[in-house]
Amino acid sequence: MGESQNCYLICYDIRDPKRWRKAYNLLQGYGERMQYSIFRSWLTMRSREKLRWELEKILAPEDSLLLIRLSNQCVNSIPAYNRPGAWSNQDEPYRIV
């Protein structure tokens, strides 16, 4: 059985456009953009640490990064108190493209 995955919100504020673009491109490979500087990703503990390591190589001290792990109960209840379509509730932590 593989590692369990958790849903994470990844929020950032990056001052330099070049660093912002690098972080944005990196995060696109890990999840789905929710808003301008907010991504949603399903990550294992290992992939979360790999992502943090890759982001730390890009970010400068003045940049901000926040990773928030959401419990399954939180993820399942988000659609109940938001606008329709604001958060698609995925039963599976992957998407077939």
Protein backbone atom coordinates (compact mmCIF):
# COMPACT_ATOMS: atom_id res chain seq x y z
CA MET A 1 0.00 0.00 0.00
CA GLY A 2 1.32 3.45 -0.93
CA GLU A 3 1.75 6.44 1.27
CA SER A 4 -1.39 8.32 2.19
CA GLN A 5 -1.96 11.70 0.62
CA ASN A 6 -3.32 14.84 2.22
CA CYS A 7 -4.75 17.94 0.66
CA TYR A 8 -2.60 21.05 1.07
CA LEU A 9 -3.22 24.69 0.35
CA ILE A 10 0.00 26.34 -0.77
CA CYS A 11 0.01 30.12 -0.51
CA TYR A 12 2.88 32.37 -1.47
CA ASP A 13 3.89 36.00 -1.86
CA ILE A 14 6.98 36.36 -4.02
CA ARG A 15 8.40 39.82 -4.64
CA ASP A 16 10.44 39.22 -7.80
CA PRO A 17 8.61 38.33 -11.06
CA LYS A 18 11.34 35.88 -12.15
CA ARG A 19 11.22 33.97 -8.87
CA TRP A 20 7.41 34.11 -8.94
CA ARG A 21 7.34 32.55 -12.42
CA LYS A 22 9.74 29.77 -11.38
CA ALA A 23 7.65 28.96 -8.29
CA TYR A 24 4.43 29.11 -10.30
CA ASN A 25 5.77 26.69 -12.93
CA LEU A 26 7.01 24.34 -10.23
CA LEU A 27 3.67 24.35 -8.40
CA GLN A 28 1.74 23.65 -11.61
CA GLY A 29 3.45 20.27 -11.63
CA TYR A 30 2.23 19.56 -8.11
CA GLY A 31 -1.37 20.69 -8.12
CA GLU A 32 -4.17 22.96 -9.22
CA ARG A 33 -4.16 26.75 -9.07
CA MET A 34 -7.12 28.00 -7.04
CA GLN A 35 -6.37 31.73 -7.12
CA TYR A 36 -3.51 33.98 -8.17
CA SER A 37 -1.05 32.79 -5.51
CA ILE A 38 -2.88 29.81 -4.02
CA PHE A 39 -2.56 26.20 -5.14
CA ARG A 40 -4.29 23.03 -3.98
CA SER A 41 -2.25 19.84 -4.04
CA TRP A 42 -2.63 16.25 -2.92
CA LEU A 43 0.76 15.33 -1.47
CA THR A 44 2.38 12.52 0.44
CA MET A 45 4.73 13.49 3.24
CA ARG A 46 7.65 12.70 0.93
CA SER A 47 6.34 14.78 -1.98
CA ARG A 48 5.52 17.67 0.39
CA GLU A 49 9.10 17.75 1.65
CA LYS A 50 10.45 17.50 -1.90
CA LEU A 51 8.26 20.44 -2.93
CA ARG A 52 9.38 22.50 0.07
CA TRP A 53 13.03 21.74 -0.76
CA GLU A 54 12.54 22.76 -4.41
CA LEU A 55 10.72 25.97 -3.42
CA GLU A 56 13.41 26.92 -0.90
CA LYS A 57 15.96 26.85 -3.74
CA ILE A 58 13.83 29.46 -5.58
CA LEU A 59 12.64 31.74 -2.77
CA ALA A 60 14.52 34.64 -1.24
CA PRO A 61 14.34 35.64 2.46
CA GLU A 62 11.81 38.40 1.73
CA ASP A 63 9.36 35.96 0.07
CA SER A 64 6.55 34.24 1.99
CA LEU A 65 5.41 30.63 1.78
CA LEU A 66 2.62 28.92 3.69
CA LEU A 67 1.62 25.24 3.41
CA ILE A 68 -1.62 24.29 5.13
CA ARG A 69 -2.66 20.64 5.49
CA LEU A 70 -6.42 20.13 5.40
CA SER A 71 -8.00 17.16 7.14
CA ASN A 72 -10.33 14.92 5.12
CA GLN A 73 -13.26 16.25 7.15
CA CYS A 74 -12.33 19.83 6.19
CA VAL A 75 -11.95 18.94 2.51
CA ASN A 76 -15.31 17.18 2.43
CA SER A 77 -17.17 20.06 4.11
CA ILE A 78 -15.71 22.95 2.06
CA PRO A 79 -18.38 22.80 -0.71
CA ALA A 80 -21.15 23.07 1.91
CA TYR A 81 -20.35 26.68 2.83
CA ASN A 82 -18.93 28.12 -0.38
CA ARG A 83 -20.28 29.18 -3.74
CA PRO A 84 -21.07 26.35 -6.16
CA GLY A 85 -17.97 25.40 -8.12
CA ALA A 86 -15.56 27.27 -5.83
CA TRP A 87 -14.06 23.96 -4.68
CA SER A 88 -14.55 20.79 -6.65
CA ASN A 89 -14.59 17.94 -4.18
CA GLN A 90 -12.36 15.23 -5.54
CA ASP A 91 -13.00 11.74 -4.26
CA GLU A 92 -9.65 10.60 -5.60
CA PRO A 93 -6.37 12.46 -5.00
CA TYR A 94 -5.48 12.31 -8.71
CA ARG A 95 -6.90 13.46 -12.00
CA ILE A 96 -6.90 11.58 -15.32
CA VAL A 97 -6.02 13.96 -18.13
